Amino acid sequence: DVPRNMASTHFYVSKTFSATDVQGDQLTFAATIEAYDESAVVDESVNTTCSVGAPATAPGTTDPDEKPEEPGEKISKPGLNKWIIAGDEKLESDTAAAGTDVTFELESNVPDNLRNYIVVDEPTTKAASSYKLVFADTLDAAFDDPKNFVIEIGDTMLTDGQYNLDLSNTHEFSITLDLVKLYEAGIIKSNDIANATAITVTYTATLKADTTAGIYTNKAQVGYPEGSSSMDTVTVKTYAIRVFKYDQVTNEGLKGAVFGLYQKDSDGNLINNHGTLTTDAEGYIRVDGLDAGTYYLKEAAAPDGYVCSETELEIKVNDEAAGVDYIVDASFA
C-alpha cells in the first residue's frame, strides 16, 4: 500500500525459480504494478526474459558477488541549473572585472524518461529512436567569445563527434546531445538512468573591456523531446569608482588633478595598477569595469596653484559601498 500523499516510490520484486518453471526453453518473469483506482498513476512495468542456459551459482542471482544497485533519485525529465564557477564554489551571482573571463556551468541530468526511447535489456540493448537533449544558452551582450567548452556525463568527457555545438548566433549558443546514441556507444548506462547522472557543460566567456558598472544577466534552459526545462539565470556584476576632487575652502571641483589607482597584495605590494587618471572640468574622474575589492587612490600631480596631497585614499568596492547604479563615490579635498 502506498499513501496517497506520497509523490512517488520504488518497488522491489524478487522470486526464486526452479527447473519446473521453464516453459519452451525460456524462463519468463513479468512484474506489473497496477493502479487500484483512477486517481493513481503508474509510470512503468518491468518484463525480463532469462535463458534457461544461464548458470545459477547462488539462489536468486547468476553471480554470488553481484548485488542490485539501489536506485538514486528518480528524475523523469531533465532539468537545468546554471552556475558561475569561482574556485570550488558554484554561485548564482558573482563579480568580475571588465576584460576578464568568467567560467559558467550548465548542469542537467540523464532523465528517467530516456527508458521510453530505448530498450534497456542489457547486454542486447537496441535503440528504438533518438532522444535530443539541447542546451540553449543566452549571454548578456556584455559578454563575448564563449569558448573552452567541456561536456561531461558523470566523469566521462565527451569528444567533439559526440555532440553538436552551434555558435552561429551572437551571444547565444546551443549544444545538442543524442542520448540514445550515447547509450548505444556505452557512454550512458542503465545505472546513469536510474541515478539521474549529471550532464554538465562548462565554458568561459569574456566580459568586454569597455563594460560599464552594472549587473548583467545570463540565462539558459534545456530542451528535450517532450518540452523544455524552466529558464535558469545567473548574474555578473561589475563596479565603477567615481572620485570628486575639490577645493576644501570653496567646495568647487578642480580640473587637472592627476591620480594613480591601484591595488595591493597581502604584503602591501603594488598590484593591478589602473594607470593615471586626470579630473575633468567638473573635478571628476570615473573608472568602470572594476571587480569587488579594495582599491587605493593617490594624487600624483596637483592642479596649478595647489599642493599635491600625500594622502592615500582607501576605497572599498562592494555592494554595501556602491549605490544602486553599482558606482562607489569618493571625495578627495
C-alpha atoms as a PDB file:
ATOM      1  CA  ASP A   1       0.000   0.000   0.000  1.00  0.00           C
ATOM      2  CA  VAL A   2       1.275   3.460  -0.946  1.00  0.00           C
ATOM      3  CA  PRO A   3      -0.050   6.525   0.927  1.00  0.00           C
ATOM      4  CA  ARG A   4      -1.967   8.924  -1.290  1.00  0.00           C
ATOM      5  CA  ASN A   5       0.275  11.842  -0.257  1.00  0.00           C
ATOM      6  CA  MET A   6       3.454  10.073  -1.450  1.00  0.00           C
ATOM      7  CA  ALA A   7       4.752  11.665  -4.665  1.00  0.00           C
ATOM      8  CA  SER A   8       6.492   8.505  -5.906  1.00  0.00           C
ATOM      9  CA  THR A   9       8.040   5.271  -4.704  1.00  0.00           C
ATOM     10  CA  HIS A  10      10.144   2.310  -5.872  1.00  0.00           C
ATOM     11  CA  PHE A  11       9.054  -1.335  -5.751  1.00  0.00           C
ATOM     12  CA  TYR A  12      11.429  -4.285  -5.387  1.00  0.00           C
ATOM     13  CA  VAL A  13      10.268  -7.707  -6.621  1.00  0.00           C
ATOM     14  CA  SER A  14      12.131 -10.980  -6.129  1.00  0.00           C
ATOM     15  CA  LYS A  15      11.308 -14.595  -6.978  1.00  0.00           C
ATOM     16  CA  THR A  16      13.085 -17.918  -6.689  1.00  0.00           C
ATOM     17  CA  PHE A  17      12.661 -20.208  -9.708  1.00  0.00           C
ATOM     18  CA  SER A  18      13.021 -23.946 -10.172  1.00  0.00           C
ATOM     19  CA  ALA A  19      13.584 -26.058 -13.288  1.00  0.00           C
ATOM     20  CA  THR A  20       9.884 -26.826 -13.479  1.00  0.00           C
ATOM     21  CA  ASP A  21       9.201 -23.125 -14.173  1.00  0.00           C
ATOM     22  CA  VAL A  22      10.853 -23.373 -17.601  1.00  0.00           C
ATOM     23  CA  GLN A  23       8.391 -23.114 -20.488  1.00  0.00           C
ATOM     24  CA  GLY A  24       9.594 -23.733 -24.025  1.00  0.00           C
ATOM     25  CA  ASP A  25      13.252 -23.426 -23.103  1.00  0.00           C
ATOM     26  CA  GLN A  26      12.620 -19.972 -21.608  1.00  0.00           C
ATOM     27  CA  LEU A  27      12.260 -18.786 -18.053  1.00  0.00           C
ATOM     28  CA  THR A  28      10.000 -15.743 -18.167  1.00  0.00           C
ATOM     29  CA  PHE A  29       9.291 -13.400 -15.294  1.00  0.00           C
ATOM     30  CA  ALA A  30       6.880 -10.475 -15.561  1.00  0.00           C
ATOM     31  CA  ALA A  31       6.129  -7.932 -12.811  1.00  0.00           C
ATOM     32  CA  THR A  32       3.454  -5.311 -13.326  1.00  0.00           C
ATOM     33  CA  ILE A  33       2.321  -2.701 -10.821  1.00  0.00           C
ATOM     34  CA  GLU A  34      -1.264  -1.671 -11.432  1.00  0.00           C
ATOM     35  CA  ALA A  35      -3.260   1.286 -10.162  1.00  0.00           C
ATOM     36  CA  TYR A  36      -6.048   0.293  -7.798  1.00  0.00           C
ATOM     37  CA  ASP A  37      -8.198   3.226  -8.843  1.00  0.00           C
ATOM     38  CA  GLU A  38      -8.249   6.009 -11.438  1.00  0.00           C
ATOM     39  CA  SER A  39      -6.509   8.539  -9.176  1.00  0.00           C
ATOM     40  CA  ALA A  40      -3.259   6.546  -9.080  1.00  0.00           C
ATOM     41  CA  VAL A  41      -0.648   6.891 -11.835  1.00  0.00           C
ATOM     42  CA  VAL A  42       1.725   4.078 -12.761  1.00  0.00           C
ATOM     43  CA  ASP A  43       4.833   5.030 -14.719  1.00  0.00           C
ATOM     44  CA  GLU A  44       6.127   1.691 -15.918  1.00  0.00           C
ATOM     45  CA  SER A  45       6.142  -2.087 -15.735  1.00  0.00           C
ATOM     46  CA  VAL A  46       9.121  -4.432 -15.992  1.00  0.00           C
ATOM     47  CA  ASN A  47       9.456  -7.579 -18.105  1.00  0.00           C
ATOM     48  CA  THR A  48      12.609  -9.674 -18.047  1.00  0.00           C
ATOM     49  CA  THR A  49      13.344 -12.817 -20.023  1.00  0.00           C
ATOM     50  CA  CYS A  50      16.170 -15.151 -18.984  1.00  0.00           C
ATOM     51  CA  SER A  51      17.713 -18.002 -20.939  1.00  0.00           C
ATOM     52  CA  VAL A  52      17.371 -21.469 -19.439  1.00  0.00           C
ATOM     53  CA  GLY A  53      21.112 -21.971 -20.039  1.00  0.00           C
ATOM     54  CA  ALA A  54      22.162 -19.202 -17.674  1.00  0.00           C
ATOM     55  CA  PRO A  55      24.265 -20.648 -14.836  1.00  0.00           C
ATOM     56  CA  ALA A  56      22.772 -20.310 -11.361  1.00  0.00           C
ATOM     57  CA  THR A  57      25.581 -20.090  -8.841  1.00  0.00           C
ATOM     58  CA  ALA A  58      23.516 -18.842  -5.927  1.00  0.00           C
ATOM     59  CA  PRO A  59      19.806 -18.536  -5.173  1.00  0.00           C
ATOM     60  CA  GLY A  60      18.292 -15.532  -6.898  1.00  0.00           C
ATOM     61  CA  THR A  61      21.383 -14.463  -8.858  1.00  0.00           C
ATOM     62  CA  THR A  62      23.725 -15.648 -11.580  1.00  0.00           C
ATOM     63  CA  ASP A  63      26.752 -14.216  -9.766  1.00  0.00           C
ATOM     64  CA  PRO A  64      27.223 -14.541  -5.992  1.00  0.00           C
ATOM     65  CA  ASP A  65      29.163 -11.236  -5.950  1.00  0.00           C
ATOM     66  CA  GLU A  66      26.586  -9.317  -7.950  1.00  0.00           C
ATOM     67  CA  LYS A  67      24.213  -7.173  -5.927  1.00  0.00           C
ATOM     68  CA  PRO A  68      21.445  -4.997  -7.330  1.00  0.00           C
ATOM     69  CA  GLU A  69      22.248  -1.315  -7.142  1.00  0.00           C
ATOM     70  CA  GLU A  70      19.926   0.853  -5.108  1.00  0.00           C
ATOM     71  CA  PRO A  71      18.347   3.418  -7.446  1.00  0.00           C
ATOM     72  CA  GLY A  72      19.003   7.079  -6.783  1.00  0.00           C
ATOM     73  CA  GLU A  73      16.509   9.907  -7.017  1.00  0.00           C
ATOM     74  CA  LYS A  74      14.159   9.258  -9.909  1.00  0.00           C
ATOM     75  CA  ILE A  75      14.024  12.300 -12.193  1.00  0.00           C
ATOM     76  CA  SER A  76      11.649  11.641 -15.056  1.00  0.00           C
ATOM     77  CA  LYS A  77      12.651  14.648 -17.175  1.00  0.00           C
ATOM     78  CA  PRO A  78      15.875  16.639 -17.490  1.00  0.00           C
ATOM     79  CA  GLY A  79      16.186  19.878 -15.551  1.00  0.00           C
ATOM     80  CA  LEU A  80      18.788  22.618 -15.737  1.00  0.00           C
ATOM     81  CA  ASN A  81      20.795  24.739 -13.336  1.00  0.00           C
ATOM     82  CA  LYS A  82      23.208  27.432 -14.485  1.00  0.00           C
ATOM     83  CA  TRP A  83      26.128  28.381 -12.249  1.00  0.00           C
ATOM     84  CA  ILE A  84      29.111  30.713 -12.129  1.00  0.00           C
ATOM     85  CA  ILE A  85      32.200  28.747 -11.145  1.00  0.00           C
ATOM     86  CA  ALA A  86      34.523  30.625  -8.760  1.00  0.00           C
ATOM     87  CA  GLY A  87      37.267  28.338  -7.495  1.00  0.00           C
ATOM     88  CA  ASP A  88      35.492  25.424  -5.821  1.00  0.00           C
ATOM     89  CA  GLU A  89      32.213  27.317  -5.473  1.00  0.00           C
ATOM     90  CA  LYS A  90      29.090  27.317  -7.619  1.00  0.00           C
ATOM     91  CA  LEU A  91      27.397  30.708  -7.424  1.00  0.00           C
ATOM     92  CA  GLU A  92      24.182  32.260  -8.715  1.00  0.00           C
ATOM     93  CA  SER A  93      25.779  35.725  -8.644  1.00  0.00           C
ATOM     94  CA  ASP A  94      29.383  36.933  -8.737  1.00  0.00           C
ATOM     95  CA  THR A  95      31.510  39.977  -9.567  1.00  0.00           C
ATOM     96  CA  ALA A  96      34.108  40.372 -12.319  1.00  0.00           C
ATOM     97  CA  ALA A  97      36.397  42.964 -13.861  1.00  0.00           C
ATOM     98  CA  ALA A  98      35.929  44.084 -17.447  1.00  0.00           C
ATOM     99  CA  GLY A  99      38.229  42.261 -19.849  1.00  0.00           C
ATOM    100  CA  THR A 100      38.403  39.069 -17.763  1.00  0.00           C
ATOM    101  CA  ASP A 101      36.998  35.584 -18.378  1.00  0.00           C
ATOM    102  CA  VAL A 102      34.091  34.205 -16.351  1.00  0.00           C
ATOM    103  CA  THR A 103      33.517  30.449 -16.058  1.00  0.00           C
ATOM    104  CA  PHE A 104      29.945  29.147 -16.358  1.00  0.00           C
ATOM    105  CA  GLU A 105      28.464  25.686 -15.872  1.00  0.00           C
ATOM    106  CA  LEU A 106      25.191  24.255 -17.152  1.00  0.00           C
ATOM    107  CA  GLU A 107      24.042  21.198 -15.207  1.00  0.00           C
ATOM    108  CA  SER A 108      21.321  18.820 -16.393  1.00  0.00           C
ATOM    109  CA  ASN A 109      20.806  15.090 -15.839  1.00  0.00           C
ATOM    110  CA  VAL A 110      20.209  11.760 -17.543  1.00  0.00           C
ATOM    111  CA  PRO A 111      16.387  11.536 -17.327  1.00  0.00           C
ATOM    112  CA  ASP A 112      14.334   8.518 -16.383  1.00  0.00           C
ATOM    113  CA  ASN A 113      12.076   9.019 -19.405  1.00  0.00           C
ATOM    114  CA  LEU A 114      15.024   8.041 -21.617  1.00  0.00           C
ATOM    115  CA  ARG A 115      13.728   4.495 -20.951  1.00  0.00           C
ATOM    116  CA  ASN A 116      10.814   5.293 -23.263  1.00  0.00           C
ATOM    117  CA  TYR A 117      13.237   5.735 -26.186  1.00  0.00           C
ATOM    118  CA  ILE A 118      15.477   2.703 -25.724  1.00  0.00           C
ATOM    119  CA  VAL A 119      15.119  -0.972 -24.818  1.00  0.00           C
ATOM    120  CA  VAL A 120      17.031  -1.356 -21.570  1.00  0.00           C
ATOM    121  CA  ASP A 121      17.621  -5.134 -21.579  1.00  0.00           C
ATOM    122  CA  GLU A 122      21.417  -5.156 -21.359  1.00  0.00           C
ATOM    123  CA  PRO A 123      23.533  -6.531 -22.904  1.00  0.00           C
ATOM    124  CA  THR A 124      21.303  -6.866 -26.009  1.00  0.00           C
ATOM    125  CA  THR A 125      20.061  -3.266 -25.998  1.00  0.00           C
ATOM    126  CA  LYS A 126      18.718  -1.932 -29.280  1.00  0.00           C
ATOM    127  CA  ALA A 127      17.935   1.699 -29.923  1.00  0.00           C
ATOM    128  CA  ALA A 128      14.279   2.460 -30.577  1.00  0.00           C
ATOM    129  CA  SER A 129      14.638   6.111 -31.624  1.00  0.00           C
ATOM    130  CA  SER A 130      16.641   9.238 -30.761  1.00  0.00           C
ATOM    131  CA  TYR A 131      16.495  11.500 -27.712  1.00  0.00           C
ATOM    132  CA  LYS A 132      17.769  15.006 -28.448  1.00  0.00           C
ATOM    133  CA  LEU A 133      18.852  16.946 -25.358  1.00  0.00           C
ATOM    134  CA  VAL A 134      19.543  20.584 -26.279  1.00  0.00           C
ATOM    135  CA  PHE A 135      21.334  23.075 -24.028  1.00  0.00           C
ATOM    136  CA  ALA A 136      20.337  26.621 -25.059  1.00  0.00           C
ATOM    137  CA  ASP A 137      22.357  29.443 -23.503  1.00  0.00           C
ATOM    138  CA  THR A 138      21.909  33.206 -23.892  1.00  0.00           C
ATOM    139  CA  LEU A 139      24.665  35.535 -22.707  1.00  0.00           C
ATOM    140  CA  ASP A 140      24.233  39.222 -21.998  1.00  0.00           C
ATOM    141  CA  ALA A 141      25.580  41.439 -24.787  1.00  0.00           C
ATOM    142  CA  ALA A 142      28.340  42.497 -22.363  1.00  0.00           C
ATOM    143  CA  PHE A 143      29.907  39.053 -22.903  1.00  0.00           C
ATOM    144  CA  ASP A 144      31.901  37.901 -25.910  1.00  0.00           C
ATOM    145  CA  ASP A 145      33.619  34.800 -27.200  1.00  0.00           C
ATOM    146  CA  PRO A 146      32.193  31.744 -25.373  1.00  0.00           C
ATOM    147  CA  LYS A 147      34.964  29.135 -25.549  1.00  0.00           C
ATOM    148  CA  ASN A 148      36.768  26.278 -23.761  1.00  0.00           C
ATOM    149  CA  PHE A 149      33.709  24.007 -23.850  1.00  0.00           C
ATOM    150  CA  VAL A 150      33.838  20.807 -21.791  1.00  0.00           C
ATOM    151  CA  ILE A 151      30.835  18.433 -21.930  1.00  0.00           C
ATOM    152  CA  GLU A 152      30.676  15.580 -19.427  1.00  0.00           C
ATOM    153  CA  ILE A 153      28.270  12.806 -18.470  1.00  0.00           C
ATOM    154  CA  GLY A 154      29.270  11.907 -14.945  1.00  0.00           C
ATOM    155  CA  ASP A 155      33.052  11.659 -15.067  1.00  0.00           C
ATOM    156  CA  THR A 156      33.175  10.888 -18.805  1.00  0.00           C
ATOM    157  CA  MET A 157      34.235  13.754 -21.069  1.00  0.00           C
ATOM    158  CA  LEU A 158      32.603  13.736 -24.497  1.00  0.00           C
ATOM    159  CA  THR A 159      34.613  14.181 -27.673  1.00  0.00           C
ATOM    160  CA  ASP A 160      33.746  16.606 -30.486  1.00  0.00           C
ATOM    161  CA  GLY A 161      31.914  13.965 -32.528  1.00  0.00           C
ATOM    162  CA  GLN A 162      29.577  13.075 -29.667  1.00  0.00           C
ATOM    163  CA  TYR A 163      27.746  16.403 -29.538  1.00  0.00           C
ATOM    164  CA  ASN A 164      26.917  19.335 -31.812  1.00  0.00           C
ATOM    165  CA  LEU A 165      27.928  22.895 -30.855  1.00  0.00           C
ATOM    166  CA  ASP A 166      26.176  25.774 -32.650  1.00  0.00           C
ATOM    167  CA  LEU A 167      27.839  29.190 -32.227  1.00  0.00           C
ATOM    168  CA  SER A 168      26.142  30.850 -35.202  1.00  0.00           C
ATOM    169  CA  ASN A 169      24.109  33.364 -33.146  1.00  0.00           C
ATOM    170  CA  THR A 170      25.773  36.333 -31.456  1.00  0.00           C
ATOM    171  CA  HIS A 171      25.819  35.951 -27.655  1.00  0.00           C
ATOM    172  CA  GLU A 172      23.961  32.624 -27.932  1.00  0.00           C
ATOM    173  CA  PHE A 173      24.926  29.014 -28.399  1.00  0.00           C
ATOM    174  CA  SER A 174      23.317  25.586 -28.314  1.00  0.00           C
ATOM    175  CA  ILE A 175      24.724  22.123 -27.652  1.00  0.00           C
ATOM    176  CA  THR A 176      22.801  19.047 -28.805  1.00  0.00           C
ATOM    177  CA  LEU A 177      23.328  15.515 -27.491  1.00  0.00           C
ATOM    178  CA  ASP A 178      21.527  12.398 -28.723  1.00  0.00           C
ATOM    179  CA  LEU A 179      21.167  10.388 -25.517  1.00  0.00           C
ATOM    180  CA  VAL A 180      20.090   7.227 -27.377  1.00  0.00           C
ATOM    181  CA  LYS A 181      23.279   7.240 -29.459  1.00  0.00           C
ATOM    182  CA  LEU A 182      25.334   7.871 -26.324  1.00  0.00           C
ATOM    183  CA  TYR A 183      23.579   4.886 -24.729  1.00  0.00           C
ATOM    184  CA  GLU A 184      24.382   2.737 -27.761  1.00  0.00           C
ATOM    185  CA  ALA A 185      28.008   3.840 -27.506  1.00  0.00           C
ATOM    186  CA  GLY A 186      28.141   2.701 -23.874  1.00  0.00           C
ATOM    187  CA  ILE A 187      28.699   6.213 -22.517  1.00  0.00           C
ATOM    188  CA  ILE A 188      25.291   6.289 -20.831  1.00  0.00           C
ATOM    189  CA  LYS A 189      24.471   3.125 -18.886  1.00  0.00           C
ATOM    190  CA  SER A 190      21.372   1.859 -17.123  1.00  0.00           C
ATOM    191  CA  ASN A 191      22.764   2.999 -13.782  1.00  0.00           C
ATOM    192  CA  ASP A 192      23.025   6.542 -15.175  1.00  0.00           C
ATOM    193  CA  ILE A 193      19.309   6.457 -15.957  1.00  0.00           C
ATOM    194  CA  ALA A 194      18.466   5.046 -12.530  1.00  0.00           C
ATOM    195  CA  ASN A 195      20.623   7.591 -10.706  1.00  0.00           C
ATOM    196  CA  ALA A 196      19.972  10.721 -12.823  1.00  0.00           C
ATOM    197  CA  THR A 197      23.687  11.110 -13.553  1.00  0.00           C
ATOM    198  CA  ALA A 198      24.703  14.739 -14.122  1.00  0.00           C
ATOM    199  CA  ILE A 199      25.267  16.065 -17.643  1.00  0.00           C
ATOM    200  CA  THR A 200      27.393  19.225 -17.464  1.00  0.00           C
ATOM    201  CA  VAL A 201      28.584  21.871 -19.901  1.00  0.00           C
ATOM    202  CA  THR A 202      31.420  24.102 -18.695  1.00  0.00           C
ATOM    203  CA  TYR A 203      32.719  27.089 -20.668  1.00  0.00           C
ATOM    204  CA  THR A 204      34.211  30.557 -20.319  1.00  0.00           C
ATOM    205  CA  ALA A 205      33.141  33.908 -21.748  1.00  0.00           C
ATOM    206  CA  THR A 206      34.860  37.302 -21.671  1.00  0.00           C
ATOM    207  CA  LEU A 207      33.307  40.352 -20.031  1.00  0.00           C
ATOM    208  CA  LYS A 208      34.041  43.069 -22.595  1.00  0.00           C
ATOM    209  CA  ALA A 209      36.841  45.527 -21.814  1.00  0.00           C
ATOM    210  CA  ASP A 210      34.519  48.539 -22.213  1.00  0.00           C
ATOM    211  CA  THR A 211      31.823  47.207 -19.868  1.00  0.00           C
ATOM    212  CA  THR A 212      30.452  49.871 -17.522  1.00  0.00           C
ATOM    213  CA  ALA A 213      29.173  49.450 -13.978  1.00  0.00           C
ATOM    214  CA  GLY A 214      26.044  47.336 -13.775  1.00  0.00           C
ATOM    215  CA  ILE A 215      24.547  43.874 -13.407  1.00  0.00           C
ATOM    216  CA  TYR A 216      24.466  41.505 -16.376  1.00  0.00           C
ATOM    217  CA  THR A 217      22.090  38.552 -16.621  1.00  0.00           C
ATOM    218  CA  ASN A 218      22.864  35.276 -18.366  1.00  0.00           C
ATOM    219  CA  LYS A 219      20.230  32.582 -18.820  1.00  0.00           C
ATOM    220  CA  ALA A 220      19.880  29.018 -20.067  1.00  0.00           C
ATOM    221  CA  GLN A 221      17.436  26.140 -20.372  1.00  0.00           C
ATOM    222  CA  VAL A 222      17.455  22.611 -21.731  1.00  0.00           C
ATOM    223  CA  GLY A 223      15.067  21.190 -24.332  1.00  0.00           C
ATOM    224  CA  TYR A 224      14.044  17.547 -24.762  1.00  0.00           C
ATOM    225  CA  PRO A 225      11.510  15.650 -26.894  1.00  0.00           C
ATOM    226  CA  GLU A 226       8.506  16.366 -24.657  1.00  0.00           C
ATOM    227  CA  GLY A 227       9.264  20.001 -23.838  1.00  0.00           C
ATOM    228  CA  SER A 228      11.834  22.128 -22.057  1.00  0.00           C
ATOM    229  CA  SER A 229      13.026  22.984 -18.563  1.00  0.00           C
ATOM    230  CA  SER A 230      12.363  26.289 -16.876  1.00  0.00           C
ATOM    231  CA  MET A 231      14.849  29.090 -17.546  1.00  0.00           C
ATOM    232  CA  ASP A 232      17.652  29.476 -15.007  1.00  0.00           C
ATOM    233  CA  THR A 233      19.633  32.705 -14.643  1.00  0.00           C
ATOM    234  CA  VAL A 234      22.885  33.898 -13.115  1.00  0.00           C
ATOM    235  CA  THR A 235      24.151  37.464 -12.738  1.00  0.00           C
ATOM    236  CA  VAL A 236      27.589  39.052 -13.040  1.00  0.00           C
ATOM    237  CA  LYS A 237      28.224  42.483 -11.505  1.00  0.00           C
ATOM    238  CA  THR A 238      30.966  44.973 -12.223  1.00  0.00           C
ATOM    239  CA  TYR A 239      31.543  48.297 -10.481  1.00  0.00           C
ATOM    240  CA  ALA A 240      32.844  51.832 -11.034  1.00  0.00           C
ATOM    241  CA  ILE A 241      34.683  54.292  -8.802  1.00  0.00           C
ATOM    242  CA  ARG A 242      33.747  57.979  -9.178  1.00  0.00           C
ATOM    243  CA  VAL A 243      36.086  60.445  -7.448  1.00  0.00           C
ATOM    244  CA  PHE A 244      35.340  64.128  -6.864  1.00  0.00           C
ATOM    245  CA  LYS A 245      38.461  66.322  -6.407  1.00  0.00           C
ATOM    246  CA  TYR A 246      37.580  69.674  -4.847  1.00  0.00           C
ATOM    247  CA  ASP A 247      38.884  72.812  -3.157  1.00  0.00           C
ATOM    248  CA  GLN A 248      38.206  72.341   0.552  1.00  0.00           C
ATOM    249  CA  VAL A 249      37.562  76.077   1.014  1.00  0.00           C
ATOM    250  CA  THR A 250      35.212  76.754  -1.887  1.00  0.00           C
ATOM    251  CA  ASN A 251      33.985  73.129  -2.416  1.00  0.00           C
ATOM    252  CA  GLU A 252      34.422  73.698  -6.155  1.00  0.00           C
ATOM    253  CA  GLY A 253      35.602  70.858  -8.361  1.00  0.00           C
ATOM    254  CA  LEU A 254      39.213  71.070  -9.578  1.00  0.00           C
ATOM    255  CA  LYS A 255      40.245  70.270 -13.123  1.00  0.00           C
ATOM    256  CA  GLY A 256      43.620  68.720 -13.953  1.00  0.00           C
ATOM    257  CA  ALA A 257      44.452  66.782 -10.782  1.00  0.00           C
ATOM    258  CA  VAL A 258      46.274  63.550 -11.687  1.00  0.00           C
ATOM    259  CA  PHE A 259      45.754  60.383  -9.636  1.00  0.00           C
ATOM    260  CA  GLY A 260      47.022  56.843  -9.566  1.00  0.00           C
ATOM    261  CA  LEU A 261      44.558  53.991  -8.840  1.00  0.00           C
ATOM    262  CA  TYR A 262      45.927  50.620  -7.756  1.00  0.00           C
ATOM    263  CA  GLN A 263      45.508  47.585  -5.539  1.00  0.00           C
ATOM    264  CA  LYS A 264      47.851  45.813  -3.118  1.00  0.00           C
ATOM    265  CA  ASP A 265      48.574  42.207  -2.263  1.00  0.00           C
ATOM    266  CA  SER A 266      48.508  40.820   1.290  1.00  0.00           C
ATOM    267  CA  ASP A 267      52.096  42.023   1.805  1.00  0.00           C
ATOM    268  CA  GLY A 268      51.282  45.576   0.748  1.00  0.00           C
ATOM    269  CA  ASN A 269      52.966  45.332  -2.656  1.00  0.00           C
ATOM    270  CA  LEU A 270      51.502  47.304  -5.541  1.00  0.00           C
ATOM    271  CA  ILE A 271      49.415  45.210  -7.968  1.00  0.00           C
ATOM    272  CA  ASN A 272      46.787  45.883 -10.609  1.00  0.00           C
ATOM    273  CA  ASN A 273      47.886  49.400 -11.484  1.00  0.00           C
ATOM    274  CA  HIS A 274      44.981  51.096 -13.246  1.00  0.00           C
ATOM    275  CA  GLY A 275      47.164  53.883 -14.607  1.00  0.00           C
ATOM    276  CA  THR A 276      47.000  57.665 -14.218  1.00  0.00           C
ATOM    277  CA  LEU A 277      43.644  59.423 -14.155  1.00  0.00           C
ATOM    278  CA  THR A 278      43.020  63.154 -14.641  1.00  0.00           C
ATOM    279  CA  THR A 279      39.996  65.031 -13.311  1.00  0.00           C
ATOM    280  CA  ASP A 280      37.683  66.655 -15.846  1.00  0.00           C
ATOM    281  CA  ALA A 281      36.413  70.245 -15.898  1.00  0.00           C
ATOM    282  CA  GLU A 282      33.960  69.474 -13.083  1.00  0.00           C
ATOM    283  CA  GLY A 283      36.602  67.814 -10.913  1.00  0.00           C
ATOM    284  CA  TYR A 284      35.561  64.189 -11.549  1.00  0.00           C
ATOM    285  CA  ILE A 285      37.283  61.011 -12.611  1.00  0.00           C
ATOM    286  CA  ARG A 286      35.475  57.698 -13.184  1.00  0.00           C
ATOM    287  CA  VAL A 287      36.883  54.205 -13.632  1.00  0.00           C
ATOM    288  CA  ASP A 288      34.482  51.497 -14.848  1.00  0.00           C
ATOM    289  CA  GLY A 289      34.613  47.721 -15.050  1.00  0.00           C
ATOM    290  CA  LEU A 290      36.088  47.020 -11.616  1.00  0.00           C
ATOM    291  CA  ASP A 291      35.795  43.794  -9.667  1.00  0.00           C
ATOM    292  CA  ALA A 292      34.854  43.883  -5.993  1.00  0.00           C
ATOM    293  CA  GLY A 293      37.842  44.531  -3.710  1.00  0.00           C
ATOM    294  CA  THR A 294      39.938  47.198  -2.017  1.00  0.00           C
ATOM    295  CA  TYR A 295      41.472  49.974  -4.128  1.00  0.00           C
ATOM    296  CA  TYR A 296      43.843  52.829  -3.318  1.00  0.00           C
ATOM    297  CA  LEU A 297      43.867  56.313  -4.807  1.00  0.00           C
ATOM    298  CA  LYS A 298      46.808  58.706  -4.504  1.00  0.00           C
ATOM    299  CA  GLU A 299      47.412  62.103  -6.072  1.00  0.00           C
ATOM    300  CA  ALA A 300      50.354  62.184  -8.484  1.00  0.00           C
ATOM    301  CA  ALA A 301      50.125  65.817  -9.623  1.00  0.00           C
ATOM    302  CA  ALA A 302      48.068  68.740  -8.290  1.00  0.00           C
ATOM    303  CA  PRO A 303      46.294  71.390 -10.383  1.00  0.00           C
ATOM    304  CA  ASP A 304      48.063  74.724 -10.860  1.00  0.00           C
ATOM    305  CA  GLY A 305      48.156  76.704  -7.616  1.00  0.00           C
ATOM    306  CA  TYR A 306      47.662  73.668  -5.354  1.00  0.00           C
ATOM    307  CA  VAL A 307      49.961  71.373  -3.374  1.00  0.00           C
ATOM    308  CA  CYS A 308      49.977  67.663  -4.220  1.00  0.00           C
ATOM    309  CA  SER A 309      48.498  65.590  -1.382  1.00  0.00           C
ATOM    310  CA  GLU A 310      50.461  62.726   0.193  1.00  0.00           C
ATOM    311  CA  THR A 311      47.250  61.076   1.406  1.00  0.00           C
ATOM    312  CA  GLU A 312      46.467  57.543   0.178  1.00  0.00           C
ATOM    313  CA  LEU A 313      42.714  57.126  -0.003  1.00  0.00           C
ATOM    314  CA  GLU A 314      41.387  53.580   0.572  1.00  0.00           C
ATOM    315  CA  ILE A 315      38.205  52.754  -1.342  1.00  0.00           C
ATOM    316  CA  LYS A 316      36.141  49.610  -0.651  1.00  0.00           C
ATOM    317  CA  VAL A 317      34.267  48.365  -3.694  1.00  0.00           C
ATOM    318  CA  ASN A 318      31.333  46.047  -2.950  1.00  0.00           C
ATOM    319  CA  ASP A 319      27.523  46.045  -2.794  1.00  0.00           C
ATOM    320  CA  GLU A 320      27.492  47.789   0.574  1.00  0.00           C
ATOM    321  CA  ALA A 321      29.672  50.677  -0.617  1.00  0.00           C
ATOM    322  CA  ALA A 322      28.083  51.071  -4.039  1.00  0.00           C
ATOM    323  CA  GLY A 323      24.815  52.750  -4.921  1.00  0.00           C
ATOM    324  CA  VAL A 324      22.006  51.146  -6.894  1.00  0.00           C
ATOM    325  CA  ASP A 325      23.980  52.027 -10.034  1.00  0.00           C
ATOM    326  CA  TYR A 326      26.991  49.959  -8.778  1.00  0.00           C
ATOM    327  CA  ILE A 327      29.105  53.135  -8.534  1.00  0.00           C
ATOM    328  CA  VAL A 328      31.232  53.831  -5.450  1.00  0.00           C
ATOM    329  CA  ASP A 329      31.620  57.552  -4.799  1.00  0.00           C
ATOM    330  CA  ALA A 330      34.677  59.062  -3.084  1.00  0.00           C
ATOM    331  CA  SER A 331      35.778  62.639  -2.413  1.00  0.00           C
ATOM    332  CA  PHE A 332      39.359  63.983  -2.289  1.00  0.00           C
ATOM    333  CA  ALA A 333      39.920  67.517  -0.898  1.00  0.00           C
END
